[in-house]
Amino acid sequence: MVEPVLRTMALILGAQVAALAALERATPRTGRGIWLAPRTNAPKRATELWFLRYAAVWIGAFALIIGLGLYERFTAWTYL
């Protein structure tokens, strides 16, 4: 049996995904990429790509820490 807290969390996550999907569909398409700087501005584009990769590493690290329960073994020094 699914606990009420898990059901509530699943409903919240589902609502967030539905809201993001609705916003994605409502955003007009321009036919060009809107996430990165154009290739004509190579330094800015390279910096943006670096930050995207850096963010993926941090998200992965936090996912491992939470998923494996490593935070339970952390000490005061670990949080520094």
Protein backbone atom coordinates (compact mmCIF):
# COMPACT_ATOMS: atom_id res chain seq x y z
CA MET A 1 0.00 0.00 0.00
CA VAL A 2 1.27 3.47 -0.87
CA GLU A 3 1.69 5.79 2.07
CA PRO A 4 -0.19 9.12 1.98
CA VAL A 5 3.05 11.11 2.01
CA LEU A 6 4.38 9.29 -1.05
CA ARG A 7 1.08 9.78 -2.86
CA THR A 8 1.12 13.50 -2.04
CA MET A 9 4.73 13.86 -3.20
CA ALA A 10 3.92 12.01 -6.44
CA LEU A 11 0.95 14.32 -7.06
CA ILE A 12 3.11 17.41 -6.48
CA LEU A 13 5.79 16.13 -8.84
CA GLY A 14 3.16 15.28 -11.46
CA ALA A 15 1.69 18.78 -11.17
CA GLN A 16 5.14 20.33 -11.63
CA VAL A 17 5.85 18.21 -14.71
CA ALA A 18 2.43 19.08 -16.17
CA ALA A 19 3.03 22.80 -15.53
CA LEU A 20 6.44 22.65 -17.22
CA ALA A 21 4.97 20.79 -20.19
CA ALA A 22 2.22 23.41 -20.51
CA LEU A 23 4.75 26.24 -20.38
CA GLU A 24 6.92 24.49 -22.97
CA ARG A 25 3.98 24.17 -25.34
CA ALA A 26 2.97 27.81 -24.77
CA THR A 27 6.46 29.14 -25.61
CA PRO A 28 6.64 30.32 -29.22
CA ARG A 29 9.29 28.73 -31.42
CA THR A 30 11.69 31.06 -33.19
CA GLY A 31 13.50 28.39 -35.18
CA ARG A 32 16.84 29.04 -33.50
CA GLY A 33 18.35 27.90 -30.23
CA ILE A 34 17.52 30.04 -27.24
CA TRP A 35 19.62 28.29 -24.60
CA LEU A 36 23.15 29.08 -25.71
CA ALA A 37 24.93 32.06 -27.17
CA PRO A 38 25.36 31.95 -30.95
CA ARG A 39 28.46 30.30 -32.36
CA THR A 40 29.68 33.71 -33.45
CA ASN A 41 30.27 34.54 -29.76
CA ALA A 42 32.55 31.58 -29.02
CA PRO A 43 33.88 32.67 -25.59
CA LYS A 44 30.41 33.24 -24.17
CA ARG A 45 29.14 29.97 -25.63
CA ALA A 46 32.11 28.05 -24.19
CA THR A 47 31.49 29.56 -20.76
CA GLU A 48 27.80 28.65 -20.88
CA LEU A 49 28.64 25.06 -21.87
CA TRP A 50 31.16 24.82 -19.03
CA PHE A 51 28.57 25.97 -16.49
CA LEU A 52 26.02 23.49 -17.84
CA ARG A 53 28.50 20.63 -17.44
CA TYR A 54 29.55 21.88 -14.00
CA ALA A 55 25.90 21.99 -12.90
CA ALA A 56 25.39 18.41 -14.12
CA VAL A 57 28.34 17.25 -12.01
CA TRP A 58 26.96 18.95 -8.87
CA ILE A 59 23.47 17.60 -9.44
CA GLY A 60 24.93 14.12 -9.90
CA ALA A 61 27.00 14.44 -6.74
CA PHE A 62 23.98 15.50 -4.68
CA ALA A 63 21.89 12.71 -6.20
CA LEU A 64 24.50 10.17 -5.10
CA ILE A 65 24.80 11.67 -1.62
CA ILE A 66 21.05 11.62 -1.09
CA GLY A 67 20.36 8.39 -2.95
CA LEU A 68 23.01 6.39 -1.12
CA GLY A 69 22.30 8.03 2.25
CA LEU A 70 25.87 9.22 2.60
CA TYR A 71 24.70 12.35 4.44
CA GLU A 72 23.93 10.18 7.47
CA ARG A 73 27.66 9.55 7.92
CA PHE A 74 28.75 13.14 7.49
CA THR A 75 30.49 14.90 10.35
CA ALA A 76 30.90 18.60 11.07
CA TRP A 77 34.14 18.53 9.07
CA THR A 78 32.44 16.93 6.08
CA TYR A 79 30.08 19.87 5.76
CA LEU A 80 32.99 22.32 5.50
